[in-house]
Amino acid sequence: MRPGYPPAVDARPMLDLIAAAAEGGALVLVGIGGHGAAGKTTLARMVPEAQIVSTDEFWDGSAFDIERLAREVVVPLARGMTAHFASYDWTARMSREARIVEPRGVVIVEGVCALHRSLRVSYAVRVWVDAPSDVRLLRGVARDGEEARSTWVDIWMPSEQRYVERDDPVSCAHLVIDGGTAIDTQPREQAGEMAGPSAPRLLPERLL
């Protein structure tokens, strides 16, 4: 089984929406939003052969660069063009070599601000993943370490909530999926398959 939260998440309603959208063309662009540690990445990995882009890859050192995400990924893909972008490495705290995402099959943009008001119109399928705040905190601490608890409580979670209240991403979702209540207890060094969004990281001081 791939790393992530245990399969309490039911991906079938989302897979049905994606299958229906796929009948209309070669590319299905999907946005999966939700609070931190709600289960977004786990859900995205349940889509067979999907190309996944995380909003975490667009960290600029102080905030998520939503404009660059739109300019380099969402807009080109929506126009049927290949996306090229530099992905942020949270472990090394620097940009990696460019990633390439082709405009074919299913492409998923997942992350807290994936359903940002400037991005949402481009998605054929929009999904919000929900989970209780206490579960999300436990998951975040399990992933990032006990030393990150205060950052989650004092900075990360309040910043996310301000974004949700301001942008109201839930209202644009075609589907709201329960992210479950199971806690991933894997050691931090096993938490992700690649360096970056799923890997141990230093939490930012600010979200948006």
N, C-alpha and C. Protein backbone atom coordinates (compact mmCIF):
# COMPACT_ATOMS: atom_id res chain seq x y z
N MET A 1 0.85 -1.20 0.00
CA MET A 1 0.00 0.00 0.00
C MET A 1 0.88 1.24 0.00
N ARG A 2 0.49 2.25 -0.76
CA ARG A 2 1.27 3.48 -0.80
C ARG A 2 1.15 4.23 0.52
N PRO A 3 2.18 5.04 0.86
CA PRO A 3 2.10 5.82 2.08
C PRO A 3 0.90 6.76 2.06
N GLY A 4 0.37 7.04 3.23
CA GLY A 4 -0.77 7.93 3.34
C GLY A 4 -1.69 7.45 4.43
N TYR A 5 -2.85 8.06 4.56
CA TYR A 5 -3.80 7.66 5.57
C TYR A 5 -4.52 6.40 5.12
N PRO A 6 -4.82 5.50 6.03
CA PRO A 6 -5.46 4.24 5.68
C PRO A 6 -6.74 4.46 4.85
N PRO A 7 -7.10 3.47 4.02
CA PRO A 7 -8.13 3.68 3.01
C PRO A 7 -9.56 3.77 3.55
N ALA A 8 -9.78 4.66 4.52
CA ALA A 8 -11.13 4.97 4.97
C ALA A 8 -11.78 5.94 4.00
N VAL A 9 -10.94 6.59 3.17
CA VAL A 9 -11.44 7.56 2.20
C VAL A 9 -12.07 6.81 1.03
N ASP A 10 -13.30 7.17 0.69
CA ASP A 10 -14.00 6.54 -0.42
C ASP A 10 -13.82 7.41 -1.66
N ALA A 11 -12.99 6.94 -2.58
CA ALA A 11 -12.69 7.71 -3.78
C ALA A 11 -13.69 7.48 -4.90
N ARG A 12 -14.60 6.54 -4.74
CA ARG A 12 -15.47 6.15 -5.85
C ARG A 12 -16.31 7.30 -6.41
N PRO A 13 -16.92 8.15 -5.58
CA PRO A 13 -17.69 9.27 -6.16
C PRO A 13 -16.82 10.19 -7.03
N MET A 14 -15.59 10.44 -6.58
CA MET A 14 -14.69 11.28 -7.37
C MET A 14 -14.29 10.57 -8.66
N LEU A 15 -13.99 9.29 -8.59
CA LEU A 15 -13.61 8.54 -9.78
C LEU A 15 -14.74 8.52 -10.80
N ASP A 16 -15.97 8.47 -10.32
CA ASP A 16 -17.13 8.51 -11.22
C ASP A 16 -17.21 9.86 -11.94
N LEU A 17 -16.97 10.95 -11.20
CA LEU A 17 -17.00 12.27 -11.82
C LEU A 17 -15.88 12.41 -12.86
N ILE A 18 -14.71 11.91 -12.53
CA ILE A 18 -13.58 11.98 -13.46
C ILE A 18 -13.88 11.17 -14.72
N ALA A 19 -14.44 9.99 -14.54
CA ALA A 19 -14.77 9.15 -15.70
C ALA A 19 -15.77 9.85 -16.61
N ALA A 20 -16.75 10.51 -16.01
CA ALA A 20 -17.75 11.23 -16.81
C ALA A 20 -17.10 12.40 -17.56
N ALA A 21 -16.20 13.12 -16.88
CA ALA A 21 -15.52 14.25 -17.52
C ALA A 21 -14.59 13.79 -18.63
N ALA A 22 -14.02 12.59 -18.49
CA ALA A 22 -13.07 12.08 -19.47
C ALA A 22 -13.72 11.78 -20.81
N GLU A 23 -15.03 11.64 -20.83
CA GLU A 23 -15.72 11.38 -22.08
C GLU A 23 -15.70 12.57 -23.03
N GLY A 24 -15.38 13.75 -22.48
CA GLY A 24 -15.43 14.96 -23.29
C GLY A 24 -14.11 15.38 -23.90
N GLY A 25 -13.01 14.69 -23.62
CA GLY A 25 -11.73 15.11 -24.19
C GLY A 25 -10.56 14.32 -23.69
N ALA A 26 -9.37 14.74 -24.12
CA ALA A 26 -8.15 13.99 -23.80
C ALA A 26 -7.61 14.30 -22.41
N LEU A 27 -7.98 15.46 -21.85
CA LEU A 27 -7.46 15.88 -20.56
C LEU A 27 -8.59 16.15 -19.58
N VAL A 28 -8.43 15.66 -18.36
CA VAL A 28 -9.33 16.01 -17.27
C VAL A 28 -8.50 16.68 -16.19
N LEU A 29 -8.73 17.96 -15.97
CA LEU A 29 -8.01 18.71 -14.96
C LEU A 29 -8.84 18.72 -13.68
N VAL A 30 -8.25 18.22 -12.60
CA VAL A 30 -8.96 18.03 -11.34
C VAL A 30 -8.29 18.88 -10.26
N GLY A 31 -9.09 19.56 -9.45
CA GLY A 31 -8.58 20.29 -8.30
C GLY A 31 -9.07 19.63 -7.02
N ILE A 32 -8.13 19.30 -6.13
CA ILE A 32 -8.48 18.70 -4.84
C ILE A 32 -7.96 19.61 -3.74
N GLY A 33 -8.88 20.26 -3.04
CA GLY A 33 -8.51 21.15 -1.95
C GLY A 33 -8.91 20.56 -0.61
N GLY A 34 -8.50 21.21 0.45
CA GLY A 34 -8.81 20.75 1.80
C GLY A 34 -7.78 21.28 2.77
N HIS A 35 -8.11 21.26 4.04
CA HIS A 35 -7.16 21.68 5.06
C HIS A 35 -5.94 20.77 5.05
N GLY A 36 -4.86 21.25 5.67
CA GLY A 36 -3.66 20.44 5.79
C GLY A 36 -3.94 19.14 6.53
N ALA A 37 -3.43 18.03 5.98
CA ALA A 37 -3.56 16.69 6.58
C ALA A 37 -5.00 16.18 6.58
N ALA A 38 -5.82 16.71 5.68
CA ALA A 38 -7.20 16.20 5.56
C ALA A 38 -7.26 14.91 4.78
N GLY A 39 -6.25 14.67 3.93
CA GLY A 39 -6.22 13.46 3.12
C GLY A 39 -6.21 13.73 1.62
N LYS A 40 -5.82 14.93 1.21
CA LYS A 40 -5.83 15.31 -0.20
C LYS A 40 -4.88 14.47 -1.04
N THR A 41 -3.65 14.35 -0.58
CA THR A 41 -2.64 13.59 -1.34
C THR A 41 -3.02 12.13 -1.41
N THR A 42 -3.52 11.59 -0.30
CA THR A 42 -3.96 10.19 -0.29
C THR A 42 -5.06 9.98 -1.32
N LEU A 43 -6.01 10.90 -1.38
CA LEU A 43 -7.10 10.79 -2.35
C LEU A 43 -6.57 10.90 -3.77
N ALA A 44 -5.68 11.84 -4.02
CA ALA A 44 -5.13 12.03 -5.37
C ALA A 44 -4.43 10.76 -5.85
N ARG A 45 -3.74 10.08 -4.94
CA ARG A 45 -3.02 8.87 -5.32
C ARG A 45 -3.94 7.69 -5.63
N MET A 46 -5.21 7.84 -5.33
CA MET A 46 -6.17 6.78 -5.64
C MET A 46 -6.66 6.84 -7.08
N VAL A 47 -6.25 7.86 -7.81
CA VAL A 47 -6.66 7.99 -9.22
C VAL A 47 -5.60 7.32 -10.08
N PRO A 48 -5.94 6.24 -10.75
CA PRO A 48 -4.94 5.50 -11.54
C PRO A 48 -4.28 6.36 -12.61
N GLU A 49 -2.94 6.30 -12.64
CA GLU A 49 -2.13 6.93 -13.68
C GLU A 49 -2.28 8.44 -13.75
N ALA A 50 -2.77 9.06 -12.70
CA ALA A 50 -2.91 10.52 -12.71
C ALA A 50 -1.55 11.18 -12.55
N GLN A 51 -1.37 12.31 -13.22
CA GLN A 51 -0.22 13.18 -12.97
C GLN A 51 -0.64 14.14 -11.87
N ILE A 52 0.18 14.23 -10.81
CA ILE A 52 -0.21 15.01 -9.64
C ILE A 52 0.74 16.19 -9.45
N VAL A 53 0.17 17.35 -9.29
CA VAL A 53 0.92 18.57 -8.97
C VAL A 53 0.41 19.07 -7.63
N SER A 54 1.31 19.33 -6.70
CA SER A 54 0.91 19.84 -5.39
C SER A 54 1.14 21.35 -5.31
N THR A 55 0.22 22.04 -4.66
CA THR A 55 0.44 23.47 -4.45
C THR A 55 1.67 23.70 -3.58
N ASP A 56 2.05 22.70 -2.78
CA ASP A 56 3.25 22.82 -1.95
C ASP A 56 4.50 23.02 -2.80
N GLU A 57 4.46 22.59 -4.05
CA GLU A 57 5.61 22.74 -4.93
C GLU A 57 5.82 24.19 -5.36
N PHE A 58 4.87 25.05 -5.02
CA PHE A 58 4.94 26.45 -5.44
C PHE A 58 5.18 27.39 -4.25
N TRP A 59 5.83 26.86 -3.23
CA TRP A 59 6.27 27.69 -2.11
C TRP A 59 7.41 28.58 -2.58
N ASP A 60 7.35 29.87 -2.25
CA ASP A 60 8.39 30.79 -2.71
C ASP A 60 9.32 31.25 -1.59
N GLY A 61 9.19 30.61 -0.43
CA GLY A 61 10.02 30.98 0.69
C GLY A 61 9.25 31.70 1.78
N SER A 62 8.11 32.27 1.41
CA SER A 62 7.28 32.96 2.40
C SER A 62 5.79 32.69 2.22
N ALA A 63 5.38 32.25 1.05
CA ALA A 63 3.97 31.98 0.78
C ALA A 63 3.86 31.09 -0.45
N PHE A 64 2.67 30.59 -0.72
CA PHE A 64 2.43 29.82 -1.93
C PHE A 64 2.20 30.79 -3.08
N ASP A 65 2.93 30.58 -4.17
CA ASP A 65 2.85 31.46 -5.33
C ASP A 65 1.74 30.96 -6.26
N ILE A 66 0.52 31.37 -5.97
CA ILE A 66 -0.63 30.93 -6.72
C ILE A 66 -0.60 31.48 -8.14
N GLU A 67 -0.08 32.68 -8.31
CA GLU A 67 0.00 33.25 -9.65
C GLU A 67 0.91 32.42 -10.54
N ARG A 68 2.03 31.95 -9.99
CA ARG A 68 2.94 31.12 -10.80
C ARG A 68 2.32 29.76 -11.10
N LEU A 69 1.61 29.20 -10.11
CA LEU A 69 0.91 27.94 -10.34
C LEU A 69 -0.08 28.08 -11.50
N ALA A 70 -0.81 29.18 -11.50
CA ALA A 70 -1.77 29.42 -12.59
C ALA A 70 -1.03 29.60 -13.91
N ARG A 71 -0.01 30.43 -13.89
CA ARG A 71 0.70 30.79 -15.12
C ARG A 71 1.45 29.61 -15.74
N GLU A 72 2.07 28.79 -14.90
CA GLU A 72 2.95 27.75 -15.41
C GLU A 72 2.30 26.38 -15.51
N VAL A 73 1.18 26.18 -14.82
CA VAL A 73 0.57 24.85 -14.82
C VAL A 73 -0.90 24.88 -15.27
N VAL A 74 -1.73 25.55 -14.50
CA VAL A 74 -3.18 25.44 -14.73
C VAL A 74 -3.59 26.03 -16.07
N VAL A 75 -3.15 27.23 -16.38
CA VAL A 75 -3.55 27.87 -17.63
C VAL A 75 -3.00 27.12 -18.84
N PRO A 76 -1.70 26.78 -18.88
CA PRO A 76 -1.22 26.03 -20.05
C PRO A 76 -1.94 24.71 -20.26
N LEU A 77 -2.15 23.95 -19.18
CA LEU A 77 -2.84 22.67 -19.33
C LEU A 77 -4.26 22.85 -19.83
N ALA A 78 -4.94 23.85 -19.30
CA ALA A 78 -6.31 24.11 -19.73
C ALA A 78 -6.38 24.46 -21.21
N ARG A 79 -5.28 24.98 -21.74
CA ARG A 79 -5.21 25.32 -23.17
C ARG A 79 -4.65 24.18 -24.01
N GLY A 80 -4.39 23.04 -23.37
CA GLY A 80 -3.86 21.89 -24.10
C GLY A 80 -2.37 21.93 -24.31
N MET A 81 -1.66 22.74 -23.53
CA MET A 81 -0.22 22.90 -23.67
C MET A 81 0.50 22.18 -22.53
N THR A 82 1.75 21.79 -22.78
CA THR A 82 2.57 21.15 -21.76
C THR A 82 2.96 22.16 -20.69
N ALA A 83 2.94 21.73 -19.43
CA ALA A 83 3.33 22.59 -18.31
C ALA A 83 4.77 22.31 -17.91
N HIS A 84 5.54 23.36 -17.71
CA HIS A 84 6.92 23.27 -17.23
C HIS A 84 7.03 24.14 -15.99
N PHE A 85 7.56 23.61 -14.91
CA PHE A 85 7.70 24.43 -13.71
C PHE A 85 8.78 23.88 -12.80
N ALA A 86 9.37 24.78 -12.01
CA ALA A 86 10.35 24.40 -11.01
C ALA A 86 9.62 24.05 -9.72
N SER A 87 9.91 22.88 -9.18
CA SER A 87 9.22 22.38 -7.98
C SER A 87 10.07 22.67 -6.74
N TYR A 88 9.42 23.16 -5.68
CA TYR A 88 10.14 23.47 -4.44
C TYR A 88 10.40 22.21 -3.64
N ASP A 89 11.62 22.05 -3.19
CA ASP A 89 12.02 20.91 -2.36
C ASP A 89 12.01 21.35 -0.91
N TRP A 90 11.04 20.84 -0.13
CA TRP A 90 10.89 21.26 1.26
C TRP A 90 12.03 20.75 2.14
N THR A 91 12.63 19.64 1.76
CA THR A 91 13.73 19.10 2.56
C THR A 91 14.99 19.94 2.39
N ALA A 92 15.33 20.25 1.12
CA ALA A 92 16.53 21.04 0.84
C ALA A 92 16.26 22.54 0.94
N ARG A 93 14.98 22.91 0.98
CA ARG A 93 14.57 24.32 1.01
C ARG A 93 15.11 25.09 -0.18
N MET A 94 14.92 24.51 -1.36
CA MET A 94 15.36 25.15 -2.60
C MET A 94 14.59 24.52 -3.76
N SER A 95 14.64 25.19 -4.92
CA SER A 95 13.96 24.67 -6.09
C SER A 95 14.71 23.48 -6.68
N ARG A 96 13.92 22.53 -7.19
CA ARG A 96 14.51 21.39 -7.89
C ARG A 96 14.52 21.68 -9.39
N GLU A 97 15.03 20.69 -10.16
CA GLU A 97 14.96 20.81 -11.61
C GLU A 97 13.50 20.85 -12.05
N ALA A 98 13.29 21.37 -13.24
CA ALA A 98 11.93 21.57 -13.74
C ALA A 98 11.17 20.25 -13.88
N ARG A 99 9.89 20.31 -13.55
CA ARG A 99 8.99 19.20 -13.82
C ARG A 99 8.22 19.48 -15.10
N ILE A 100 7.82 18.41 -15.77
CA ILE A 100 7.03 18.54 -16.99
C ILE A 100 5.75 17.74 -16.79
N VAL A 101 4.61 18.36 -17.09
CA VAL A 101 3.31 17.70 -17.00
C VAL A 101 2.64 17.82 -18.36
N GLU A 102 2.30 16.69 -18.93
CA GLU A 102 1.70 16.67 -20.26
C GLU A 102 0.18 16.82 -20.17
N PRO A 103 -0.42 17.48 -21.18
CA PRO A 103 -1.87 17.70 -21.18
C PRO A 103 -2.63 16.47 -21.69
N ARG A 104 -2.57 15.41 -20.92
CA ARG A 104 -3.27 14.19 -21.31
C ARG A 104 -3.71 13.42 -20.07
N GLY A 105 -4.72 12.60 -20.21
CA GLY A 105 -5.20 11.79 -19.11
C GLY A 105 -5.76 12.67 -18.00
N VAL A 106 -5.49 12.28 -16.76
CA VAL A 106 -5.96 13.01 -15.59
C VAL A 106 -4.79 13.75 -14.96
N VAL A 107 -4.93 15.04 -14.80
CA VAL A 107 -3.94 15.85 -14.08
C VAL A 107 -4.63 16.42 -12.85
N ILE A 108 -4.04 16.18 -11.69
CA ILE A 108 -4.62 16.63 -10.43
C ILE A 108 -3.74 17.72 -9.81
N VAL A 109 -4.35 18.83 -9.47
CA VAL A 109 -3.70 19.86 -8.66
C VAL A 109 -4.28 19.72 -7.27
N GLU A 110 -3.42 19.37 -6.31
CA GLU A 110 -3.92 19.15 -4.95
C GLU A 110 -3.16 20.00 -3.96
N GLY A 111 -3.88 20.44 -2.93
CA GLY A 111 -3.26 21.25 -1.89
C GLY A 111 -4.29 22.11 -1.19
N VAL A 112 -3.89 22.72 -0.12
CA VAL A 112 -4.80 23.56 0.66
C VAL A 112 -5.50 24.58 -0.23
N CYS A 113 -4.73 25.24 -1.08
CA CYS A 113 -5.29 26.33 -1.89
C CYS A 113 -5.50 25.92 -3.35
N ALA A 114 -5.66 24.62 -3.61
CA ALA A 114 -5.87 24.15 -4.98
C ALA A 114 -7.16 24.69 -5.59
N LEU A 115 -8.16 24.96 -4.75
CA LEU A 115 -9.43 25.51 -5.24
C LEU A 115 -9.49 27.02 -5.06
N HIS A 116 -8.34 27.65 -5.08
CA HIS A 116 -8.26 29.11 -5.00
C HIS A 116 -9.16 29.74 -6.07
N ARG A 117 -9.73 30.88 -5.76
CA ARG A 117 -10.69 31.51 -6.67
C ARG A 117 -10.10 31.79 -8.05
N SER A 118 -8.79 31.96 -8.15
CA SER A 118 -8.17 32.25 -9.44
C SER A 118 -7.90 30.99 -10.26
N LEU A 119 -8.09 29.82 -9.66
CA LEU A 119 -7.79 28.55 -10.34
C LEU A 119 -9.03 27.73 -10.65
N ARG A 120 -10.05 27.85 -9.83
CA ARG A 120 -11.14 26.87 -9.83
C ARG A 120 -11.90 26.76 -11.14
N VAL A 121 -12.01 27.85 -11.90
CA VAL A 121 -12.79 27.80 -13.13
C VAL A 121 -12.17 26.87 -14.16
N SER A 122 -10.88 26.58 -14.04
CA SER A 122 -10.20 25.75 -15.04
C SER A 122 -10.40 24.25 -14.83
N TYR A 123 -10.89 23.86 -13.65
CA TYR A 123 -11.02 22.44 -13.36
C TYR A 123 -12.32 21.86 -13.89
N ALA A 124 -12.21 20.65 -14.46
CA ALA A 124 -13.41 19.92 -14.85
C ALA A 124 -14.07 19.27 -13.65
N VAL A 125 -13.25 18.92 -12.65
CA VAL A 125 -13.75 18.30 -11.41
C VAL A 125 -13.11 19.02 -10.23
N ARG A 126 -13.94 19.44 -9.27
CA ARG A 126 -13.44 20.14 -8.08
C ARG A 126 -13.88 19.36 -6.84
N VAL A 127 -12.93 19.04 -5.98
CA VAL A 127 -13.20 18.21 -4.81
C VAL A 127 -12.62 18.89 -3.57
N TRP A 128 -13.38 18.86 -2.50
CA TRP A 128 -12.90 19.32 -1.19
C TRP A 128 -12.85 18.12 -0.25
N VAL A 129 -11.72 17.95 0.43
CA VAL A 129 -11.56 16.85 1.38
C VAL A 129 -11.65 17.42 2.79
N ASP A 130 -12.53 16.84 3.59
CA ASP A 130 -12.79 17.35 4.93
C ASP A 130 -12.38 16.33 5.97
N ALA A 131 -11.90 16.81 7.11
CA ALA A 131 -11.56 15.96 8.25
C ALA A 131 -11.58 16.82 9.50
N PRO A 132 -11.90 16.24 10.66
CA PRO A 132 -11.95 17.03 11.90
C PRO A 132 -10.60 17.67 12.22
N SER A 133 -10.65 18.83 12.84
CA SER A 133 -9.41 19.57 13.12
C SER A 133 -8.48 18.81 14.05
N ASP A 134 -9.03 18.08 15.03
CA ASP A 134 -8.15 17.34 15.93
C ASP A 134 -7.45 16.20 15.21
N VAL A 135 -8.14 15.58 14.25
CA VAL A 135 -7.52 14.52 13.45
C VAL A 135 -6.43 15.10 12.56
N ARG A 136 -6.71 16.24 11.95
CA ARG A 136 -5.71 16.87 11.09
C ARG A 136 -4.46 17.25 11.87
N LEU A 137 -4.66 17.75 13.07
CA LEU A 137 -3.51 18.11 13.91
C LEU A 137 -2.67 16.88 14.25
N LEU A 138 -3.32 15.81 14.65
CA LEU A 138 -2.59 14.58 14.98
C LEU A 138 -1.83 14.06 13.77
N ARG A 139 -2.45 14.11 12.62
CA ARG A 139 -1.77 13.67 11.40
C ARG A 139 -0.57 14.56 11.08
N GLY A 140 -0.77 15.87 11.21
CA GLY A 140 0.32 16.79 10.92
C GLY A 140 1.50 16.59 11.84
N VAL A 141 1.23 16.38 13.12
CA VAL A 141 2.31 16.16 14.08
C VAL A 141 2.99 14.82 13.82
N ALA A 142 2.20 13.79 13.44
CA ALA A 142 2.79 12.49 13.10
C ALA A 142 3.72 12.61 11.91
N ARG A 143 3.38 13.48 10.98
CA ARG A 143 4.19 13.64 9.77
C ARG A 143 5.39 14.55 9.99
N ASP A 144 5.16 15.68 10.69
CA ASP A 144 6.19 16.71 10.78
C ASP A 144 6.97 16.70 12.09
N GLY A 145 6.50 15.92 13.07
CA GLY A 145 7.21 15.84 14.34
C GLY A 145 6.57 16.69 15.43
N GLU A 146 6.75 16.26 16.66
CA GLU A 146 6.14 16.95 17.79
C GLU A 146 6.59 18.40 17.88
N GLU A 147 7.81 18.68 17.43
CA GLU A 147 8.32 20.05 17.50
C GLU A 147 7.53 21.00 16.61
N ALA A 148 6.75 20.46 15.67
CA ALA A 148 5.96 21.29 14.76
C ALA A 148 4.56 21.58 15.29
N ARG A 149 4.19 21.02 16.45
CA ARG A 149 2.83 21.16 16.95
C ARG A 149 2.44 22.63 17.10
N SER A 150 3.28 23.42 17.73
CA SER A 150 2.92 24.82 17.98
C SER A 150 2.77 25.59 16.67
N THR A 151 3.57 25.26 15.67
CA THR A 151 3.44 25.92 14.38
C THR A 151 2.12 25.57 13.72
N TRP A 152 1.73 24.31 13.82
CA TRP A 152 0.43 23.90 13.30
C TRP A 152 -0.70 24.64 14.01
N VAL A 153 -0.64 24.69 15.34
CA VAL A 153 -1.73 25.27 16.12
C VAL A 153 -1.78 26.79 16.00
N ASP A 154 -0.62 27.43 16.05
CA ASP A 154 -0.58 28.89 16.14
C ASP A 154 -0.51 29.59 14.79
N ILE A 155 0.02 28.90 13.77
CA ILE A 155 0.26 29.57 12.49
C ILE A 155 -0.48 28.88 11.35
N TRP A 156 -0.17 27.61 11.14
CA TRP A 156 -0.64 26.91 9.94
C TRP A 156 -2.18 26.82 9.92
N MET A 157 -2.77 26.26 10.96
CA MET A 157 -4.21 26.03 10.95
C MET A 157 -5.01 27.34 10.94
N PRO A 158 -4.64 28.36 11.73
CA PRO A 158 -5.37 29.64 11.62
C PRO A 158 -5.25 30.28 10.24
N SER A 159 -4.06 30.17 9.62
CA SER A 159 -3.87 30.75 8.29
C SER A 159 -4.75 30.05 7.27
N GLU A 160 -4.82 28.73 7.37
CA GLU A 160 -5.71 27.97 6.48
C GLU A 160 -7.16 28.41 6.66
N GLN A 161 -7.56 28.58 7.90
CA GLN A 161 -8.95 28.95 8.16
C GLN A 161 -9.29 30.32 7.59
N ARG A 162 -8.33 31.25 7.68
CA ARG A 162 -8.56 32.57 7.09
C ARG A 162 -8.74 32.45 5.58
N TYR A 163 -7.93 31.60 4.95
CA TYR A 163 -8.06 31.39 3.51
C TYR A 163 -9.44 30.82 3.18
N VAL A 164 -9.89 29.82 3.94
CA VAL A 164 -11.19 29.19 3.68
C VAL A 164 -12.31 30.19 3.84
N GLU A 165 -12.23 31.02 4.86
CA GLU A 165 -13.28 32.02 5.09
C GLU A 165 -13.28 33.09 3.99
N ARG A 166 -12.12 33.42 3.49
CA ARG A 166 -12.01 34.46 2.47
C ARG A 166 -12.41 33.95 1.08
N ASP A 167 -11.90 32.77 0.70
CA ASP A 167 -12.10 32.26 -0.66
C ASP A 167 -13.29 31.33 -0.80
N ASP A 168 -13.76 30.78 0.32
CA ASP A 168 -14.89 29.85 0.32
C ASP A 168 -14.73 28.75 -0.74
N PRO A 169 -13.64 27.98 -0.70
CA PRO A 169 -13.43 26.94 -1.71
C PRO A 169 -14.45 25.81 -1.63
N VAL A 170 -15.04 25.60 -0.46
CA VAL A 170 -15.99 24.50 -0.31
C VAL A 170 -17.20 24.70 -1.21
N SER A 171 -17.63 25.94 -1.37
CA SER A 171 -18.85 26.22 -2.13
C SER A 171 -18.71 25.90 -3.60
N CYS A 172 -17.48 25.88 -4.12
CA CYS A 172 -17.28 25.62 -5.55
C CYS A 172 -17.08 24.14 -5.84
N ALA A 173 -16.96 23.32 -4.81
CA ALA A 173 -16.66 21.90 -5.01
C ALA A 173 -17.84 21.15 -5.58
N HIS A 174 -17.58 20.30 -6.56
CA HIS A 174 -18.61 19.40 -7.06
C HIS A 174 -18.90 18.30 -6.04
N LEU A 175 -17.91 18.05 -5.18
CA LEU A 175 -18.00 16.92 -4.26
C LEU A 175 -17.19 17.23 -3.01
N VAL A 176 -17.75 16.92 -1.85
CA VAL A 176 -17.03 17.01 -0.58
C VAL A 176 -16.84 15.58 -0.08
N ILE A 177 -15.58 15.21 0.16
CA ILE A 177 -15.24 13.84 0.55
C ILE A 177 -14.73 13.82 1.98
N ASP A 178 -15.20 12.85 2.73
CA ASP A 178 -14.76 12.66 4.11
C ASP A 178 -13.35 12.07 4.12
N GLY A 179 -12.41 12.81 4.70
CA GLY A 179 -11.03 12.34 4.77
C GLY A 179 -10.79 11.33 5.86
N GLY A 180 -11.82 10.96 6.61
CA GLY A 180 -11.69 9.92 7.63
C GLY A 180 -11.09 10.43 8.92
N THR A 181 -10.96 9.51 9.86
CA THR A 181 -10.43 9.85 11.18
C THR A 181 -9.20 9.03 11.54
N ALA A 182 -8.75 8.16 10.62
CA ALA A 182 -7.57 7.35 10.91
C ALA A 182 -6.32 8.23 10.92
N ILE A 183 -5.37 7.86 11.75
CA ILE A 183 -4.11 8.60 11.87
C ILE A 183 -2.99 7.76 11.29
N ASP A 184 -2.21 8.35 10.41
CA ASP A 184 -1.05 7.66 9.84
C ASP A 184 0.07 7.72 10.88
N THR A 185 0.53 6.57 11.33
CA THR A 185 1.56 6.54 12.37
C THR A 185 2.91 6.12 11.82
N GLN A 186 3.10 6.20 10.49
CA GLN A 186 4.40 5.85 9.93
C GLN A 186 5.46 6.84 10.41
N PRO A 187 6.70 6.39 10.56
CA PRO A 187 7.78 7.32 10.89
C PRO A 187 7.89 8.40 9.82
N ARG A 188 8.38 9.56 10.21
CA ARG A 188 8.43 10.68 9.28
C ARG A 188 9.26 10.36 8.04
N GLU A 189 10.35 9.60 8.19
CA GLU A 189 11.21 9.33 7.04
C GLU A 189 10.54 8.41 6.03
N GLN A 190 9.39 7.80 6.40
CA GLN A 190 8.67 6.95 5.48
C GLN A 190 7.39 7.61 4.98
N ALA A 191 7.19 8.86 5.32
CA ALA A 191 5.91 9.50 5.06
C ALA A 191 5.65 9.82 3.60
N GLY A 192 6.69 9.94 2.78
CA GLY A 192 6.47 10.29 1.38
C GLY A 192 7.30 9.46 0.45
N GLU A 193 6.85 9.37 -0.80
CA GLU A 193 7.57 8.61 -1.81
C GLU A 193 8.59 9.48 -2.53
N MET A 194 8.48 10.80 -2.37
CA MET A 194 9.41 11.69 -3.04
C MET A 194 9.68 12.86 -2.13
N ALA A 195 10.83 13.46 -2.30
CA ALA A 195 11.12 14.67 -1.54
C ALA A 195 10.16 15.74 -2.00
N GLY A 196 9.60 16.48 -1.08
CA GLY A 196 8.69 17.54 -1.47
C GLY A 196 7.45 17.55 -0.61
N PRO A 197 6.28 17.69 -1.21
CA PRO A 197 5.06 17.92 -0.44
C PRO A 197 4.78 16.85 0.60
N SER A 198 5.12 15.58 0.32
CA SER A 198 4.79 14.52 1.25
C SER A 198 5.92 14.23 2.22
N ALA A 199 7.06 14.85 2.03
CA ALA A 199 8.22 14.56 2.86
C ALA A 199 8.24 15.43 4.10
N PRO A 200 9.05 15.06 5.13
CA PRO A 200 9.19 15.92 6.30
C PRO A 200 9.59 17.33 5.88
N ARG A 201 9.06 18.33 6.52
CA ARG A 201 9.31 19.68 6.06
C ARG A 201 9.28 20.66 7.23
N LEU A 202 9.89 21.79 7.01
CA LEU A 202 9.76 22.90 7.93
C LEU A 202 8.49 23.65 7.59
N LEU A 203 7.63 23.83 8.55
CA LEU A 203 6.37 24.49 8.27
C LEU A 203 6.58 25.98 8.07
N PRO A 204 5.84 26.57 7.12
CA PRO A 204 6.01 27.98 6.83
C PRO A 204 5.42 28.86 7.93
N GLU A 205 5.86 30.08 7.97
CA GLU A 205 5.34 31.05 8.91
C GLU A 205 4.01 31.62 8.44
N ARG A 206 3.70 31.46 7.16
CA ARG A 206 2.52 32.09 6.58
C ARG A 206 2.02 31.19 5.47
N LEU A 207 0.72 31.15 5.24
CA LEU A 207 0.17 30.29 4.20
C LEU A 207 -0.02 31.04 2.89
N LEU A 208 -0.77 32.12 2.92
CA LEU A 208 -1.06 32.88 1.71
C LEU A 208 -0.89 34.38 1.96
